[in-house]
Amino acid sequence: MTAWEVRELKEMAQGVLCERKRIRECRRELARLTAGHEAIAAQEPALGLATACVLWMCLGDPRNYPGAAAYRKALGLNLTERSSGKFKGQLRLSKRGPHLGRKWLYFSAMRWMRDPAVKRWTSRKKARDGGSAMRALVAVMRRLALAAWHVAKHGVSQRQEAADRRPEVRCVRERKNNGSSGTCTGRRVEMIFNDAARRLIVWILEA
C-alpha cells in the first residue's frame, strides 16, 4: 500500500468518525426537541424516533386523520388501479403523498424485517408472490403505516389482548423471556422495539 493510499484511508476513516459523531448529536437533539411530545413518543417504539419526526413534519398530527387507512393514503401507500400500454388493471401504489415520508418508513420496515415474527410473515408473503422480496417489504410498509396511526391515536393497550392470542407473538415472547427457542426455528435475533409495539405490528400483519 502506497503512502497516498494510506493517507486516503485515514481521511476516509476520519470522515466516518465525524459523521457518526454528528448522527449521535442529531439523535440527542431530536430527543430533546421531542421530549413530552405525545404523538411522537407514542410512534417511536414502532417507527423509531427519526421516522416518527419525519412523518410528523410531512403529515402533521396523525390524530387528526379519521382512520388508519386515511393516514396510509396520505403517505401515498394506498393501492390504485393503473392501466396503460404496459400495465392493465394492475394495482400499484399511488405514491401521491410525500416521498420523504415513504423513504423513512422504508427504513423502519427494513428494521422490522429483522424481527423473527415479521420475517416469518414476509417469508410466506414472498412464497405467495413468486419470491418477490420488494412486494413483501412494501406490504410491511403499508401495515406499518396503519400501526403508526393506531399507536398515536389509541396507544397499544387496546390491541395487546388480541395480539397476545397470536401463536407467533407468544413464540417471540417466549424466546425473549426464557432465552429458549420454544416452537420457533432459527437463531435468536435481538429485538429492536418494545414488546407492546411488536405485538401490535404482528397483530396487524396477521389480521
C-alpha atoms as a PDB file:
ATOM      1  CA  MET A   1       0.000   0.000   0.000  1.00  0.00           C
ATOM      2  CA  THR A   2       1.429   3.339  -1.041  1.00  0.00           C
ATOM      3  CA  ALA A   3       1.709   6.376   1.197  1.00  0.00           C
ATOM      4  CA  TRP A   4      -1.072   8.071  -0.782  1.00  0.00           C
ATOM      5  CA  GLU A   5      -3.437   5.137  -0.254  1.00  0.00           C
ATOM      6  CA  VAL A   6      -2.670   5.122   3.477  1.00  0.00           C
ATOM      7  CA  ARG A   7      -3.416   8.832   3.675  1.00  0.00           C
ATOM      8  CA  GLU A   8      -6.642   8.377   1.737  1.00  0.00           C
ATOM      9  CA  LEU A   9      -7.807   5.587   4.070  1.00  0.00           C
ATOM     10  CA  LYS A  10      -7.039   7.708   7.125  1.00  0.00           C
ATOM     11  CA  GLU A  11      -9.047  10.599   5.725  1.00  0.00           C
ATOM     12  CA  MET A  12     -11.969   8.306   4.940  1.00  0.00           C
ATOM     13  CA  ALA A  13     -11.882   6.798   8.423  1.00  0.00           C
ATOM     14  CA  GLN A  14     -11.762  10.246   9.974  1.00  0.00           C
ATOM     15  CA  GLY A  15     -14.738  11.303   7.877  1.00  0.00           C
ATOM     16  CA  VAL A  16     -16.733   8.256   9.029  1.00  0.00           C
ATOM     17  CA  LEU A  17     -15.980   9.041  12.674  1.00  0.00           C
ATOM     18  CA  CYS A  18     -17.045  12.665  12.208  1.00  0.00           C
ATOM     19  CA  GLU A  19     -20.328  11.634  10.582  1.00  0.00           C
ATOM     20  CA  ARG A  20     -21.050   9.160  13.361  1.00  0.00           C
ATOM     21  CA  LYS A  21     -20.463  11.917  15.900  1.00  0.00           C
ATOM     22  CA  ARG A  22     -22.903  14.170  14.020  1.00  0.00           C
ATOM     23  CA  ILE A  23     -25.503  11.397  13.968  1.00  0.00           C
ATOM     24  CA  ARG A  24     -25.229  10.977  17.750  1.00  0.00           C
ATOM     25  CA  GLU A  25     -25.579  14.723  18.220  1.00  0.00           C
ATOM     26  CA  CYS A  26     -28.657  14.804  15.966  1.00  0.00           C
ATOM     27  CA  ARG A  27     -30.261  11.977  17.893  1.00  0.00           C
ATOM     28  CA  ARG A  28     -29.698  13.755  21.184  1.00  0.00           C
ATOM     29  CA  GLU A  29     -31.134  16.967  19.745  1.00  0.00           C
ATOM     30  CA  LEU A  30     -34.194  15.134  18.404  1.00  0.00           C
ATOM     31  CA  ALA A  31     -34.746  13.554  21.803  1.00  0.00           C
ATOM     32  CA  ARG A  32     -34.515  16.972  23.447  1.00  0.00           C
ATOM     33  CA  LEU A  33     -36.871  18.665  20.988  1.00  0.00           C
ATOM     34  CA  THR A  34     -39.493  15.916  21.161  1.00  0.00           C
ATOM     35  CA  ALA A  35     -39.433  15.452  24.926  1.00  0.00           C
ATOM     36  CA  GLY A  36     -43.035  15.452  26.104  1.00  0.00           C
ATOM     37  CA  HIS A  37     -44.429  15.221  22.552  1.00  0.00           C
ATOM     38  CA  GLU A  38     -47.289  12.759  22.977  1.00  0.00           C
ATOM     39  CA  ALA A  39     -47.812  11.604  19.379  1.00  0.00           C
ATOM     40  CA  ILE A  40     -44.127  11.209  18.510  1.00  0.00           C
ATOM     41  CA  ALA A  41     -43.441   9.431  21.790  1.00  0.00           C
ATOM     42  CA  ALA A  42     -46.271   7.002  21.001  1.00  0.00           C
ATOM     43  CA  GLN A  43     -44.959   6.288  17.492  1.00  0.00           C
ATOM     44  CA  GLU A  44     -41.301   5.977  18.476  1.00  0.00           C
ATOM     45  CA  PRO A  45     -41.452   2.300  19.603  1.00  0.00           C
ATOM     46  CA  ALA A  46     -42.997   1.269  16.275  1.00  0.00           C
ATOM     47  CA  LEU A  47     -41.127   3.567  13.880  1.00  0.00           C
ATOM     48  CA  GLY A  48     -38.044   4.868  15.627  1.00  0.00           C
ATOM     49  CA  LEU A  49     -37.595   8.466  16.746  1.00  0.00           C
ATOM     50  CA  ALA A  50     -36.239   9.841  13.464  1.00  0.00           C
ATOM     51  CA  THR A  51     -39.009   8.299  11.326  1.00  0.00           C
ATOM     52  CA  ALA A  52     -41.686   9.469  13.751  1.00  0.00           C
ATOM     53  CA  CYS A  53     -40.329  13.025  13.492  1.00  0.00           C
ATOM     54  CA  VAL A  54     -40.223  12.881   9.687  1.00  0.00           C
ATOM     55  CA  LEU A  55     -43.822  11.672   9.480  1.00  0.00           C
ATOM     56  CA  TRP A  56     -44.917  14.457  11.818  1.00  0.00           C
ATOM     57  CA  MET A  57     -43.228  17.051   9.604  1.00  0.00           C
ATOM     58  CA  CYS A  58     -44.663  15.510   6.402  1.00  0.00           C
ATOM     59  CA  LEU A  59     -48.200  14.650   7.527  1.00  0.00           C
ATOM     60  CA  GLY A  60     -48.835  16.558  10.713  1.00  0.00           C
ATOM     61  CA  ASP A  61     -50.623  15.130  13.727  1.00  0.00           C
ATOM     62  CA  PRO A  62     -51.781  11.564  12.966  1.00  0.00           C
ATOM     63  CA  ARG A  63     -54.623  12.000  15.443  1.00  0.00           C
ATOM     64  CA  ASN A  64     -56.228  14.482  13.049  1.00  0.00           C
ATOM     65  CA  TYR A  65     -56.839  11.737  10.474  1.00  0.00           C
ATOM     66  CA  PRO A  66     -60.201   9.945  10.634  1.00  0.00           C
ATOM     67  CA  GLY A  67     -58.683   6.489  10.364  1.00  0.00           C
ATOM     68  CA  ALA A  68     -55.595   4.404   9.719  1.00  0.00           C
ATOM     69  CA  ALA A  69     -56.477   3.991   6.034  1.00  0.00           C
ATOM     70  CA  ALA A  70     -56.625   7.770   5.597  1.00  0.00           C
ATOM     71  CA  TYR A  71     -53.218   8.141   7.211  1.00  0.00           C
ATOM     72  CA  ARG A  72     -51.766   5.481   4.921  1.00  0.00           C
ATOM     73  CA  LYS A  73     -53.342   7.163   1.911  1.00  0.00           C
ATOM     74  CA  ALA A  74     -51.724  10.468   2.890  1.00  0.00           C
ATOM     75  CA  LEU A  75     -48.381   8.671   2.679  1.00  0.00           C
ATOM     76  CA  GLY A  76     -49.183   7.502  -0.850  1.00  0.00           C
ATOM     77  CA  LEU A  77     -49.202   3.850   0.215  1.00  0.00           C
ATOM     78  CA  ASN A  78     -52.781   3.150  -0.852  1.00  0.00           C
ATOM     79  CA  LEU A  79     -53.368   0.901  -3.858  1.00  0.00           C
ATOM     80  CA  THR A  80     -54.876   2.267  -7.052  1.00  0.00           C
ATOM     81  CA  GLU A  81     -55.657   0.576 -10.336  1.00  0.00           C
ATOM     82  CA  ARG A  82     -53.322   1.579 -13.122  1.00  0.00           C
ATOM     83  CA  SER A  83     -53.894   0.881 -16.791  1.00  0.00           C
ATOM     84  CA  SER A  84     -51.563   1.809 -19.632  1.00  0.00           C
ATOM     85  CA  GLY A  85     -49.767   0.207 -22.540  1.00  0.00           C
ATOM     86  CA  LYS A  86     -47.536  -1.645 -20.088  1.00  0.00           C
ATOM     87  CA  PHE A  87     -49.927  -2.210 -17.182  1.00  0.00           C
ATOM     88  CA  LYS A  88     -53.563  -3.164 -17.492  1.00  0.00           C
ATOM     89  CA  GLY A  89     -55.820  -3.320 -14.445  1.00  0.00           C
ATOM     90  CA  GLN A  90     -52.916  -3.795 -12.035  1.00  0.00           C
ATOM     91  CA  LEU A  91     -52.874  -2.421  -8.502  1.00  0.00           C
ATOM     92  CA  ARG A  92     -49.980  -0.083  -7.772  1.00  0.00           C
ATOM     93  CA  LEU A  93     -49.055   2.314  -5.004  1.00  0.00           C
ATOM     94  CA  SER A  94     -50.481   5.744  -5.642  1.00  0.00           C
ATOM     95  CA  LYS A  95     -47.296   7.475  -4.354  1.00  0.00           C
ATOM     96  CA  ARG A  96     -49.221  10.726  -4.096  1.00  0.00           C
ATOM     97  CA  GLY A  97     -48.003  11.518  -0.620  1.00  0.00           C
ATOM     98  CA  PRO A  98     -44.662  12.982   0.442  1.00  0.00           C
ATOM     99  CA  HIS A  99     -41.740  10.966  -0.857  1.00  0.00           C
ATOM    100  CA  LEU A 100     -39.698  11.697   2.270  1.00  0.00           C
ATOM    101  CA  GLY A 101     -42.271  10.032   4.489  1.00  0.00           C
ATOM    102  CA  ARG A 102     -42.232   6.846   2.406  1.00  0.00           C
ATOM    103  CA  LYS A 103     -38.436   6.872   2.344  1.00  0.00           C
ATOM    104  CA  TRP A 104     -38.130   6.896   6.128  1.00  0.00           C
ATOM    105  CA  LEU A 105     -40.953   4.394   6.551  1.00  0.00           C
ATOM    106  CA  TYR A 106     -38.966   2.150   4.200  1.00  0.00           C
ATOM    107  CA  PHE A 107     -36.035   2.327   6.639  1.00  0.00           C
ATOM    108  CA  SER A 108     -38.316   1.385   9.545  1.00  0.00           C
ATOM    109  CA  ALA A 109     -39.773  -1.512   7.569  1.00  0.00           C
ATOM    110  CA  MET A 110     -36.263  -2.773   6.812  1.00  0.00           C
ATOM    111  CA  ARG A 111     -35.522  -2.845  10.535  1.00  0.00           C
ATOM    112  CA  TRP A 112     -38.760  -4.675  11.235  1.00  0.00           C
ATOM    113  CA  MET A 113     -37.783  -7.320   8.674  1.00  0.00           C
ATOM    114  CA  ARG A 114     -35.170  -8.488  11.201  1.00  0.00           C
ATOM    115  CA  ASP A 115     -37.850  -9.393  13.726  1.00  0.00           C
ATOM    116  CA  PRO A 116     -38.463 -13.180  13.744  1.00  0.00           C
ATOM    117  CA  ALA A 117     -42.271 -12.922  13.679  1.00  0.00           C
ATOM    118  CA  VAL A 118     -42.238 -10.399  10.836  1.00  0.00           C
ATOM    119  CA  LYS A 119     -39.631 -12.439   8.998  1.00  0.00           C
ATOM    120  CA  ARG A 120     -41.886 -15.496   9.045  1.00  0.00           C
ATOM    121  CA  TRP A 121     -44.798 -13.438   7.721  1.00  0.00           C
ATOM    122  CA  THR A 122     -42.695 -11.984   4.897  1.00  0.00           C
ATOM    123  CA  SER A 123     -41.423 -15.449   4.004  1.00  0.00           C
ATOM    124  CA  ARG A 124     -44.987 -16.612   3.482  1.00  0.00           C
ATOM    125  CA  LYS A 125     -45.763 -13.432   1.561  1.00  0.00           C
ATOM    126  CA  LYS A 126     -42.790 -13.967  -0.767  1.00  0.00           C
ATOM    127  CA  ALA A 127     -43.844 -17.569  -1.362  1.00  0.00           C
ATOM    128  CA  ARG A 128     -47.295 -16.380  -2.465  1.00  0.00           C
ATOM    129  CA  ASP A 129     -45.858 -13.656  -4.703  1.00  0.00           C
ATOM    130  CA  GLY A 130     -43.307 -15.731  -6.546  1.00  0.00           C
ATOM    131  CA  GLY A 131     -40.344 -14.835  -4.352  1.00  0.00           C
ATOM    132  CA  SER A 132     -40.639 -11.053  -4.683  1.00  0.00           C
ATOM    133  CA  ALA A 133     -38.840  -9.525  -1.680  1.00  0.00           C
ATOM    134  CA  MET A 134     -39.826  -5.973  -2.651  1.00  0.00           C
ATOM    135  CA  ARG A 135     -43.536  -6.798  -2.574  1.00  0.00           C
ATOM    136  CA  ALA A 136     -43.120  -8.239   0.906  1.00  0.00           C
ATOM    137  CA  LEU A 137     -41.258  -5.125   2.046  1.00  0.00           C
ATOM    138  CA  VAL A 138     -43.924  -2.815   0.621  1.00  0.00           C
ATOM    139  CA  ALA A 139     -46.575  -4.910   2.376  1.00  0.00           C
ATOM    140  CA  VAL A 140     -44.763  -4.371   5.689  1.00  0.00           C
ATOM    141  CA  MET A 141     -44.576  -0.630   4.948  1.00  0.00           C
ATOM    142  CA  ARG A 142     -48.311  -0.468   4.296  1.00  0.00           C
ATOM    143  CA  ARG A 143     -49.121  -2.220   7.548  1.00  0.00           C
ATOM    144  CA  LEU A 144     -46.539  -0.223   9.453  1.00  0.00           C
ATOM    145  CA  ALA A 145     -48.362   2.933   8.359  1.00  0.00           C
ATOM    146  CA  LEU A 146     -51.558   1.530   9.886  1.00  0.00           C
ATOM    147  CA  ALA A 147     -49.735   0.697  13.106  1.00  0.00           C
ATOM    148  CA  ALA A 148     -48.254   4.210  13.231  1.00  0.00           C
ATOM    149  CA  TRP A 149     -51.745   5.693  13.251  1.00  0.00           C
ATOM    150  CA  HIS A 150     -53.058   3.236  15.825  1.00  0.00           C
ATOM    151  CA  VAL A 151     -50.275   3.820  18.356  1.00  0.00           C
ATOM    152  CA  ALA A 152     -50.632   7.598  18.011  1.00  0.00           C
ATOM    153  CA  LYS A 153     -54.427   7.603  18.194  1.00  0.00           C
ATOM    154  CA  HIS A 154     -55.168   4.815  20.648  1.00  0.00           C
ATOM    155  CA  GLY A 155     -51.877   3.596  22.022  1.00  0.00           C
ATOM    156  CA  VAL A 156     -51.231  -0.145  22.039  1.00  0.00           C
ATOM    157  CA  SER A 157     -53.173  -1.250  25.105  1.00  0.00           C
ATOM    158  CA  GLN A 158     -56.378  -1.871  23.140  1.00  0.00           C
ATOM    159  CA  ARG A 159     -54.597  -4.264  20.770  1.00  0.00           C
ATOM    160  CA  GLN A 160     -52.463  -6.166  23.295  1.00  0.00           C
ATOM    161  CA  GLU A 161     -55.147  -8.626  24.418  1.00  0.00           C
ATOM    162  CA  ALA A 162     -55.945  -9.668  20.847  1.00  0.00           C
ATOM    163  CA  ALA A 163     -52.288  -9.744  19.863  1.00  0.00           C
ATOM    164  CA  ASP A 164     -51.319 -11.923  22.836  1.00  0.00           C
ATOM    165  CA  ARG A 165     -53.539 -14.683  21.458  1.00  0.00           C
ATOM    166  CA  ARG A 166     -51.448 -14.946  18.293  1.00  0.00           C
ATOM    167  CA  PRO A 167     -49.146 -18.011  18.442  1.00  0.00           C
ATOM    168  CA  GLU A 168     -46.415 -16.085  16.618  1.00  0.00           C
ATOM    169  CA  VAL A 169     -46.428 -13.424  19.338  1.00  0.00           C
ATOM    170  CA  ARG A 170     -46.345 -15.968  22.153  1.00  0.00           C
ATOM    171  CA  CYS A 171     -43.409 -17.629  20.448  1.00  0.00           C
ATOM    172  CA  VAL A 172     -41.486 -14.353  20.193  1.00  0.00           C
ATOM    173  CA  ARG A 173     -42.193 -13.540  23.849  1.00  0.00           C
ATOM    174  CA  GLU A 174     -41.026 -16.988  24.962  1.00  0.00           C
ATOM    175  CA  ARG A 175     -37.784 -16.533  23.063  1.00  0.00           C
ATOM    176  CA  LYS A 176     -37.221 -13.147  24.656  1.00  0.00           C
ATOM    177  CA  ASN A 177     -38.217 -14.014  28.231  1.00  0.00           C
ATOM    178  CA  ASN A 178     -36.839 -17.521  28.524  1.00  0.00           C
ATOM    179  CA  GLY A 179     -33.952 -17.439  26.093  1.00  0.00           C
ATOM    180  CA  SER A 180     -35.178 -20.660  24.510  1.00  0.00           C
ATOM    181  CA  SER A 181     -36.283 -21.400  21.009  1.00  0.00           C
ATOM    182  CA  GLY A 182     -39.626 -22.969  22.046  1.00  0.00           C
ATOM    183  CA  THR A 183     -41.548 -23.767  18.871  1.00  0.00           C
ATOM    184  CA  CYS A 184     -39.561 -21.271  16.788  1.00  0.00           C
ATOM    185  CA  THR A 185     -36.801 -22.145  14.368  1.00  0.00           C
ATOM    186  CA  GLY A 186     -33.661 -20.206  13.541  1.00  0.00           C
ATOM    187  CA  ARG A 187     -31.240 -18.358  15.763  1.00  0.00           C
ATOM    188  CA  ARG A 188     -32.453 -15.844  18.314  1.00  0.00           C
ATOM    189  CA  VAL A 189     -32.473 -12.292  16.950  1.00  0.00           C
ATOM    190  CA  GLU A 190     -32.189  -9.263  19.201  1.00  0.00           C
ATOM    191  CA  MET A 191     -35.457  -7.328  19.221  1.00  0.00           C
ATOM    192  CA  ILE A 192     -35.408  -3.685  18.162  1.00  0.00           C
ATOM    193  CA  PHE A 193     -38.658  -2.326  19.513  1.00  0.00           C
ATOM    194  CA  ASN A 194     -40.564  -2.799  22.758  1.00  0.00           C
ATOM    195  CA  ASP A 195     -42.996  -5.662  23.316  1.00  0.00           C
ATOM    196  CA  ALA A 196     -46.205  -3.648  23.037  1.00  0.00           C
ATOM    197  CA  ALA A 197     -45.343  -2.170  19.636  1.00  0.00           C
ATOM    198  CA  ARG A 198     -44.136  -5.535  18.382  1.00  0.00           C
ATOM    199  CA  ARG A 199     -47.374  -7.253  19.366  1.00  0.00           C
ATOM    200  CA  LEU A 200     -49.362  -4.572  17.558  1.00  0.00           C
ATOM    201  CA  ILE A 201     -47.303  -4.955  14.368  1.00  0.00           C
ATOM    202  CA  VAL A 202     -47.726  -8.745  14.342  1.00  0.00           C
ATOM    203  CA  TRP A 203     -51.453  -8.374  15.074  1.00  0.00           C
ATOM    204  CA  ILE A 204     -51.876  -6.101  12.044  1.00  0.00           C
ATOM    205  CA  LEU A 205     -49.765  -8.364   9.818  1.00  0.00           C
ATOM    206  CA  GLU A 206     -51.836 -11.399  10.706  1.00  0.00           C
ATOM    207  CA  ALA A 207     -55.194  -9.612  10.573  1.00  0.00           C
END
